Amino acid sequence: MEKLDRITINPDICLGQPTIRGMRITVSVILKMLASGKSIQEILSAYPELEEEDIRQAIKYAAWVVSDQIYMVSTKKL
């Protein structure tokens, strides 16, 4: 795994959700903005305290978290 030094988890900030560099901007907020069609530039305009690398690491973090999720899916037809 790549080093994700911009993603921080602190139980005292945003209830322990992954955030960017200890700020109160969560990885999930960034991902939801991207999922809704916002560009990286639009996110940076909305949150000027962010840097482009923060957004890239949020995406990498999400990919890493999802890759560790294994769910058994039933193949039975209902």
PDB file of N, CA and C in Angstrom:
ATOM      1  N   MET A   1       0.836  -1.179   0.000  1.00  0.00           N
ATOM      2  CA  MET A   1       0.000   0.000   0.000  1.00  0.00           C
ATOM      3  C   MET A   1       0.881   1.242   0.000  1.00  0.00           C
ATOM      4  N   GLU A   2       0.450   2.209  -0.789  1.00  0.00           N
ATOM      5  CA  GLU A   2       1.153   3.477  -0.807  1.00  0.00           C
ATOM      6  C   GLU A   2       1.001   4.189   0.524  1.00  0.00           C
ATOM      7  N   LYS A   3       1.928   5.036   0.805  1.00  0.00           N
ATOM      8  CA  LYS A   3       1.855   5.827   2.031  1.00  0.00           C
ATOM      9  C   LYS A   3       0.750   6.866   1.881  1.00  0.00           C
ATOM     10  N   LEU A   4      -0.174   6.867   2.809  1.00  0.00           N
ATOM     11  CA  LEU A   4      -1.281   7.821   2.795  1.00  0.00           C
ATOM     12  C   LEU A   4      -1.115   8.748   3.993  1.00  0.00           C
ATOM     13  N   ASP A   5      -0.124   9.608   3.910  1.00  0.00           N
ATOM     14  CA  ASP A   5       0.214  10.449   5.057  1.00  0.00           C
ATOM     15  C   ASP A   5      -0.703  11.652   5.229  1.00  0.00           C
ATOM     16  N   ARG A   6      -1.637  11.836   4.321  1.00  0.00           N
ATOM     17  CA  ARG A   6      -2.569  12.964   4.454  1.00  0.00           C
ATOM     18  C   ARG A   6      -3.912  12.523   5.039  1.00  0.00           C
ATOM     19  N   ILE A   7      -4.109  11.237   5.175  1.00  0.00           N
ATOM     20  CA  ILE A   7      -5.341  10.717   5.743  1.00  0.00           C
ATOM     21  C   ILE A   7      -5.103  10.469   7.228  1.00  0.00           C
ATOM     22  N   THR A   8      -5.935  11.078   8.052  1.00  0.00           N
ATOM     23  CA  THR A   8      -5.761  10.934   9.494  1.00  0.00           C
ATOM     24  C   THR A   8      -7.055  10.436  10.131  1.00  0.00           C
ATOM     25  N   ILE A   9      -6.881   9.697  11.179  1.00  0.00           N
ATOM     26  CA  ILE A   9      -8.032   9.210  11.941  1.00  0.00           C
ATOM     27  C   ILE A   9      -7.785   9.548  13.401  1.00  0.00           C
ATOM     28  N   ASN A  10      -8.668  10.359  13.951  1.00  0.00           N
ATOM     29  CA  ASN A  10      -8.556  10.804  15.336  1.00  0.00           C
ATOM     30  C   ASN A  10      -9.951  10.701  15.943  1.00  0.00           C
ATOM     31  N   PRO A  11     -10.108   9.924  17.000  1.00  0.00           N
ATOM     32  CA  PRO A  11     -11.430   9.764  17.604  1.00  0.00           C
ATOM     33  C   PRO A  11     -12.066  11.084  18.039  1.00  0.00           C
ATOM     34  N   ASP A  12     -11.269  12.119  18.238  1.00  0.00           N
ATOM     35  CA  ASP A  12     -11.793  13.413  18.681  1.00  0.00           C
ATOM     36  C   ASP A  12     -12.184  14.343  17.525  1.00  0.00           C
ATOM     37  N   ILE A  13     -11.942  13.908  16.302  1.00  0.00           N
ATOM     38  CA  ILE A  13     -12.282  14.738  15.139  1.00  0.00           C
ATOM     39  C   ILE A  13     -13.255  13.958  14.266  1.00  0.00           C
ATOM     40  N   CYS A  14     -14.412  14.530  14.026  1.00  0.00           N
ATOM     41  CA  CYS A  14     -15.452  13.943  13.163  1.00  0.00           C
ATOM     42  C   CYS A  14     -15.762  12.497  13.557  1.00  0.00           C
ATOM     43  N   LEU A  15     -15.825  12.262  14.847  1.00  0.00           N
ATOM     44  CA  LEU A  15     -16.173  10.940  15.398  1.00  0.00           C
ATOM     45  C   LEU A  15     -15.256   9.825  14.898  1.00  0.00           C
ATOM     46  N   GLY A  16     -14.019  10.163  14.605  1.00  0.00           N
ATOM     47  CA  GLY A  16     -13.052   9.158  14.181  1.00  0.00           C
ATOM     48  C   GLY A  16     -13.119   8.782  12.712  1.00  0.00           C
ATOM     49  N   GLN A  17     -13.912   9.506  11.945  1.00  0.00           N
ATOM     50  CA  GLN A  17     -13.939   9.238  10.501  1.00  0.00           C
ATOM     51  C   GLN A  17     -12.598   9.662   9.897  1.00  0.00           C
ATOM     52  N   PRO A  18     -12.199   9.015   8.817  1.00  0.00           N
ATOM     53  CA  PRO A  18     -10.971   9.440   8.144  1.00  0.00           C
ATOM     54  C   PRO A  18     -11.122  10.875   7.626  1.00  0.00           C
ATOM     55  N   THR A  19     -10.147  11.692   7.939  1.00  0.00           N
ATOM     56  CA  THR A  19     -10.179  13.095   7.522  1.00  0.00           C
ATOM     57  C   THR A  19      -8.879  13.439   6.796  1.00  0.00           C
ATOM     58  N   ILE A  20      -8.873  14.623   6.250  1.00  0.00           N
ATOM     59  CA  ILE A  20      -7.682  15.103   5.554  1.00  0.00           C
ATOM     60  C   ILE A  20      -6.840  15.938   6.502  1.00  0.00           C
ATOM     61  N   ARG A  21      -5.635  15.488   6.733  1.00  0.00           N
ATOM     62  CA  ARG A  21      -4.626  16.195   7.529  1.00  0.00           C
ATOM     63  C   ARG A  21      -5.187  16.782   8.827  1.00  0.00           C
ATOM     64  N   GLY A  22      -6.051  16.033   9.469  1.00  0.00           N
ATOM     65  CA  GLY A  22      -6.577  16.454  10.768  1.00  0.00           C
ATOM     66  C   GLY A  22      -7.609  17.565  10.697  1.00  0.00           C
ATOM     67  N   MET A  23      -7.946  17.989   9.484  1.00  0.00           N
ATOM     68  CA  MET A  23      -8.980  19.011   9.344  1.00  0.00           C
ATOM     69  C   MET A  23     -10.343  18.335   9.495  1.00  0.00           C
ATOM     70  N   ARG A  24     -11.366  19.120   9.592  1.00  0.00           N
ATOM     71  CA  ARG A  24     -12.714  18.574   9.704  1.00  0.00           C
ATOM     72  C   ARG A  24     -13.351  18.375   8.331  1.00  0.00           C
ATOM     73  N   ILE A  25     -12.545  17.951   7.402  1.00  0.00           N
ATOM     74  CA  ILE A  25     -13.018  17.591   6.065  1.00  0.00           C
ATOM     75  C   ILE A  25     -12.789  16.095   5.926  1.00  0.00           C
ATOM     76  N   THR A  26     -13.889  15.361   5.838  1.00  0.00           N
ATOM     77  CA  THR A  26     -13.759  13.903   5.808  1.00  0.00           C
ATOM     78  C   THR A  26     -13.501  13.388   4.395  1.00  0.00           C
ATOM     79  N   VAL A  27     -12.910  12.223   4.356  1.00  0.00           N
ATOM     80  CA  VAL A  27     -12.708  11.537   3.078  1.00  0.00           C
ATOM     81  C   VAL A  27     -14.060  11.321   2.406  1.00  0.00           C
ATOM     82  N   SER A  28     -15.069  10.989   3.201  1.00  0.00           N
ATOM     83  CA  SER A  28     -16.391  10.719   2.618  1.00  0.00           C
ATOM     84  C   SER A  28     -16.979  11.958   1.946  1.00  0.00           C
ATOM     85  N   VAL A  29     -16.756  13.122   2.490  1.00  0.00           N
ATOM     86  CA  VAL A  29     -17.260  14.353   1.863  1.00  0.00           C
ATOM     87  C   VAL A  29     -16.627  14.520   0.478  1.00  0.00           C
ATOM     88  N   ILE A  30     -15.337  14.295   0.412  1.00  0.00           N
ATOM     89  CA  ILE A  30     -14.636  14.425  -0.874  1.00  0.00           C
ATOM     90  C   ILE A  30     -15.167  13.397  -1.867  1.00  0.00           C
ATOM     91  N   LEU A  31     -15.315  12.157  -1.409  1.00  0.00           N
ATOM     92  CA  LEU A  31     -15.794  11.102  -2.311  1.00  0.00           C
ATOM     93  C   LEU A  31     -17.220  11.373  -2.785  1.00  0.00           C
ATOM     94  N   LYS A  32     -18.060  11.871  -1.905  1.00  0.00           N
ATOM     95  CA  LYS A  32     -19.437  12.182  -2.299  1.00  0.00           C
ATOM     96  C   LYS A  32     -19.465  13.314  -3.321  1.00  0.00           C
ATOM     97  N   MET A  33     -18.595  14.277  -3.159  1.00  0.00           N
ATOM     98  CA  MET A  33     -18.534  15.366  -4.141  1.00  0.00           C
ATOM     99  C   MET A  33     -18.077  14.835  -5.499  1.00  0.00           C
ATOM    100  N   LEU A  34     -17.069  13.977  -5.493  1.00  0.00           N
ATOM    101  CA  LEU A  34     -16.608  13.389  -6.754  1.00  0.00           C
ATOM    102  C   LEU A  34     -17.713  12.539  -7.379  1.00  0.00           C
ATOM    103  N   ALA A  35     -18.391  11.766  -6.544  1.00  0.00           N
ATOM    104  CA  ALA A  35     -19.463  10.895  -7.046  1.00  0.00           C
ATOM    105  C   ALA A  35     -20.625  11.691  -7.622  1.00  0.00           C
ATOM    106  N   SER A  36     -20.822  12.892  -7.121  1.00  0.00           N
ATOM    107  CA  SER A  36     -21.920  13.717  -7.637  1.00  0.00           C
ATOM    108  C   SER A  36     -21.533  14.488  -8.896  1.00  0.00           C
ATOM    109  N   GLY A  37     -20.298  14.276  -9.334  1.00  0.00           N
ATOM    110  CA  GLY A  37     -19.869  14.887 -10.591  1.00  0.00           C
ATOM    111  C   GLY A  37     -18.988  16.111 -10.451  1.00  0.00           C
ATOM    112  N   LYS A  38     -18.648  16.484  -9.215  1.00  0.00           N
ATOM    113  CA  LYS A  38     -17.759  17.631  -9.020  1.00  0.00           C
ATOM    114  C   LYS A  38     -16.352  17.277  -9.490  1.00  0.00           C
ATOM    115  N   SER A  39     -15.693  18.232 -10.070  1.00  0.00           N
ATOM    116  CA  SER A  39     -14.308  18.019 -10.485  1.00  0.00           C
ATOM    117  C   SER A  39     -13.370  18.316  -9.312  1.00  0.00           C
ATOM    118  N   ILE A  40     -12.146  17.900  -9.455  1.00  0.00           N
ATOM    119  CA  ILE A  40     -11.157  18.193  -8.416  1.00  0.00           C
ATOM    120  C   ILE A  40     -11.038  19.710  -8.236  1.00  0.00           C
ATOM    121  N   GLN A  41     -11.047  20.440  -9.327  1.00  0.00           N
ATOM    122  CA  GLN A  41     -10.937  21.900  -9.237  1.00  0.00           C
ATOM    123  C   GLN A  41     -12.127  22.507  -8.498  1.00  0.00           C
ATOM    124  N   GLU A  42     -13.317  21.963  -8.713  1.00  0.00           N
ATOM    125  CA  GLU A  42     -14.496  22.471  -8.007  1.00  0.00           C
ATOM    126  C   GLU A  42     -14.390  22.188  -6.506  1.00  0.00           C
ATOM    127  N   ILE A  43     -13.862  21.035  -6.162  1.00  0.00           N
ATOM    128  CA  ILE A  43     -13.681  20.708  -4.738  1.00  0.00           C
ATOM    129  C   ILE A  43     -12.641  21.642  -4.115  1.00  0.00           C
ATOM    130  N   LEU A  44     -11.567  21.876  -4.835  1.00  0.00           N
ATOM    131  CA  LEU A  44     -10.530  22.778  -4.319  1.00  0.00           C
ATOM    132  C   LEU A  44     -11.078  24.202  -4.162  1.00  0.00           C
ATOM    133  N   SER A  45     -11.993  24.595  -5.022  1.00  0.00           N
ATOM    134  CA  SER A  45     -12.602  25.921  -4.893  1.00  0.00           C
ATOM    135  C   SER A  45     -13.525  25.981  -3.678  1.00  0.00           C
ATOM    136  N   ALA A  46     -14.246  24.875  -3.429  1.00  0.00           N
ATOM    137  CA  ALA A  46     -15.157  24.823  -2.287  1.00  0.00           C
ATOM    138  C   ALA A  46     -14.398  24.756  -0.961  1.00  0.00           C
ATOM    139  N   TYR A  47     -13.253  24.089  -0.988  1.00  0.00           N
ATOM    140  CA  TYR A  47     -12.425  23.933   0.216  1.00  0.00           C
ATOM    141  C   TYR A  47     -11.000  24.390  -0.106  1.00  0.00           C
ATOM    142  N   PRO A  48     -10.737  25.678  -0.088  1.00  0.00           N
ATOM    143  CA  PRO A  48      -9.419  26.191  -0.483  1.00  0.00           C
ATOM    144  C   PRO A  48      -8.264  25.693   0.384  1.00  0.00           C
ATOM    145  N   GLU A  49      -8.583  25.188   1.568  1.00  0.00           N
ATOM    146  CA  GLU A  49      -7.520  24.674   2.433  1.00  0.00           C
ATOM    147  C   GLU A  49      -7.005  23.309   1.961  1.00  0.00           C
ATOM    148  N   LEU A  50      -7.723  22.694   1.031  1.00  0.00           N
ATOM    149  CA  LEU A  50      -7.270  21.402   0.487  1.00  0.00           C
ATOM    150  C   LEU A  50      -6.264  21.610  -0.633  1.00  0.00           C
ATOM    151  N   GLU A  51      -5.487  20.568  -0.857  1.00  0.00           N
ATOM    152  CA  GLU A  51      -4.549  20.521  -1.975  1.00  0.00           C
ATOM    153  C   GLU A  51      -4.938  19.331  -2.849  1.00  0.00           C
ATOM    154  N   GLU A  52      -4.550  19.380  -4.093  1.00  0.00           N
ATOM    155  CA  GLU A  52      -4.921  18.312  -5.024  1.00  0.00           C
ATOM    156  C   GLU A  52      -4.481  16.943  -4.511  1.00  0.00           C
ATOM    157  N   GLU A  53      -3.316  16.869  -3.900  1.00  0.00           N
ATOM    158  CA  GLU A  53      -2.838  15.585  -3.380  1.00  0.00           C
ATOM    159  C   GLU A  53      -3.753  15.055  -2.274  1.00  0.00           C
ATOM    160  N   ASP A  54      -4.415  15.925  -1.528  1.00  0.00           N
ATOM    161  CA  ASP A  54      -5.378  15.477  -0.510  1.00  0.00           C
ATOM    162  C   ASP A  54      -6.500  14.676  -1.175  1.00  0.00           C
ATOM    163  N   ILE A  55      -6.990  15.182  -2.291  1.00  0.00           N
ATOM    164  CA  ILE A  55      -8.090  14.514  -2.988  1.00  0.00           C
ATOM    165  C   ILE A  55      -7.608  13.191  -3.581  1.00  0.00           C
ATOM    166  N   ARG A  56      -6.431  13.193  -4.133  1.00  0.00           N
ATOM    167  CA  ARG A  56      -5.895  11.942  -4.704  1.00  0.00           C
ATOM    168  C   ARG A  56      -5.702  10.889  -3.611  1.00  0.00           C
ATOM    169  N   GLN A  57      -5.235  11.313  -2.457  1.00  0.00           N
ATOM    170  CA  GLN A  57      -5.067  10.339  -1.371  1.00  0.00           C
ATOM    171  C   GLN A  57      -6.417   9.869  -0.832  1.00  0.00           C
ATOM    172  N   ALA A  58      -7.420  10.711  -0.845  1.00  0.00           N
ATOM    173  CA  ALA A  58      -8.765  10.283  -0.421  1.00  0.00           C
ATOM    174  C   ALA A  58      -9.271   9.176  -1.346  1.00  0.00           C
ATOM    175  N   ILE A  59      -9.038   9.333  -2.627  1.00  0.00           N
ATOM    176  CA  ILE A  59      -9.452   8.299  -3.598  1.00  0.00           C
ATOM    177  C   ILE A  59      -8.663   7.019  -3.356  1.00  0.00           C
ATOM    178  N   LYS A  60      -7.362   7.141  -3.157  1.00  0.00           N
ATOM    179  CA  LYS A  60      -6.529   5.958  -2.907  1.00  0.00           C
ATOM    180  C   LYS A  60      -6.951   5.257  -1.612  1.00  0.00           C
ATOM    181  N   TYR A  61      -7.253   6.038  -0.598  1.00  0.00           N
ATOM    182  CA  TYR A  61      -7.698   5.462   0.673  1.00  0.00           C
ATOM    183  C   TYR A  61      -8.980   4.661   0.470  1.00  0.00           C
ATOM    184  N   ALA A  62      -9.936   5.245  -0.250  1.00  0.00           N
ATOM    185  CA  ALA A  62     -11.208   4.561  -0.510  1.00  0.00           C
ATOM    186  C   ALA A  62     -10.975   3.264  -1.275  1.00  0.00           C
ATOM    187  N   ALA A  63     -10.100   3.295  -2.257  1.00  0.00           N
ATOM    188  CA  ALA A  63      -9.799   2.091  -3.033  1.00  0.00           C
ATOM    189  C   ALA A  63      -9.180   1.023  -2.132  1.00  0.00           C
ATOM    190  N   TRP A  64      -8.309   1.432  -1.244  1.00  0.00           N
ATOM    191  CA  TRP A  64      -7.673   0.492  -0.327  1.00  0.00           C
ATOM    192  C   TRP A  64      -8.695  -0.111   0.637  1.00  0.00           C
ATOM    193  N   VAL A  65      -9.585   0.694   1.172  1.00  0.00           N
ATOM    194  CA  VAL A  65     -10.604   0.197   2.104  1.00  0.00           C
ATOM    195  C   VAL A  65     -11.529  -0.786   1.393  1.00  0.00           C
ATOM    196  N   VAL A  66     -11.974  -0.432   0.224  1.00  0.00           N
ATOM    197  CA  VAL A  66     -12.899  -1.294  -0.508  1.00  0.00           C
ATOM    198  C   VAL A  66     -12.223  -2.608  -0.905  1.00  0.00           C
ATOM    199  N   SER A  67     -10.963  -2.570  -1.214  1.00  0.00           N
ATOM    200  CA  SER A  67     -10.278  -3.798  -1.641  1.00  0.00           C
ATOM    201  C   SER A  67     -10.191  -4.817  -0.519  1.00  0.00           C
ATOM    202  N   ASP A  68     -10.311  -4.384   0.713  1.00  0.00           N
ATOM    203  CA  ASP A  68     -10.260  -5.305   1.852  1.00  0.00           C
ATOM    204  C   ASP A  68     -11.630  -5.815   2.264  1.00  0.00           C
ATOM    205  N   GLN A  69     -12.674  -5.400   1.585  1.00  0.00           N
ATOM    206  CA  GLN A  69     -14.028  -5.811   1.935  1.00  0.00           C
ATOM    207  C   GLN A  69     -14.397  -7.064   1.137  1.00  0.00           C
ATOM    208  N   ILE A  70     -14.739  -8.090   1.834  1.00  0.00           N
ATOM    209  CA  ILE A  70     -15.180  -9.314   1.181  1.00  0.00           C
ATOM    210  C   ILE A  70     -16.557  -9.660   1.724  1.00  0.00           C
ATOM    211  N   TYR A  71     -17.518  -9.744   0.849  1.00  0.00           N
ATOM    212  CA  TYR A  71     -18.876 -10.091   1.237  1.00  0.00           C
ATOM    213  C   TYR A  71     -19.299 -11.322   0.460  1.00  0.00           C
ATOM    214  N   MET A  72     -19.935 -12.212   1.144  1.00  0.00           N
ATOM    215  CA  MET A  72     -20.461 -13.401   0.489  1.00  0.00           C
ATOM    216  C   MET A  72     -21.813 -13.033  -0.118  1.00  0.00           C
ATOM    217  N   VAL A  73     -21.950 -13.281  -1.384  1.00  0.00           N
ATOM    218  CA  VAL A  73     -23.195 -12.980  -2.074  1.00  0.00           C
ATOM    219  C   VAL A  73     -23.841 -14.290  -2.470  1.00  0.00           C
ATOM    220  N   SER A  74     -25.086 -14.431  -2.106  1.00  0.00           N
ATOM    221  CA  SER A  74     -25.800 -15.647  -2.434  1.00  0.00           C
ATOM    222  C   SER A  74     -26.014 -15.741  -3.942  1.00  0.00           C
ATOM    223  N   THR A  75     -25.823 -16.927  -4.467  1.00  0.00           N
ATOM    224  CA  THR A  75     -26.072 -17.136  -5.897  1.00  0.00           C
ATOM    225  C   THR A  75     -27.419 -17.807  -6.126  1.00  0.00           C
ATOM    226  N   LYS A  76     -28.155 -18.048  -5.023  1.00  0.00           N
ATOM    227  CA  LYS A  76     -29.476 -18.652  -5.134  1.00  0.00           C
ATOM    228  C   LYS A  76     -30.431 -17.672  -5.797  1.00  0.00           C
ATOM    229  N   LYS A  77     -31.263 -18.204  -6.662  1.00  0.00           N
ATOM    230  CA  LYS A  77     -32.303 -17.366  -7.257  1.00  0.00           C
ATOM    231  C   LYS A  77     -33.472 -17.315  -6.294  1.00  0.00           C
ATOM    232  N   LEU A  78     -34.030 -16.143  -6.166  1.00  0.00           N
ATOM    233  CA  LEU A  78     -35.164 -15.982  -5.260  1.00  0.00           C
ATOM    234  C   LEU A  78     -36.449 -16.419  -5.901  1.00  0.00           C
TER     235      LEU A  78
END
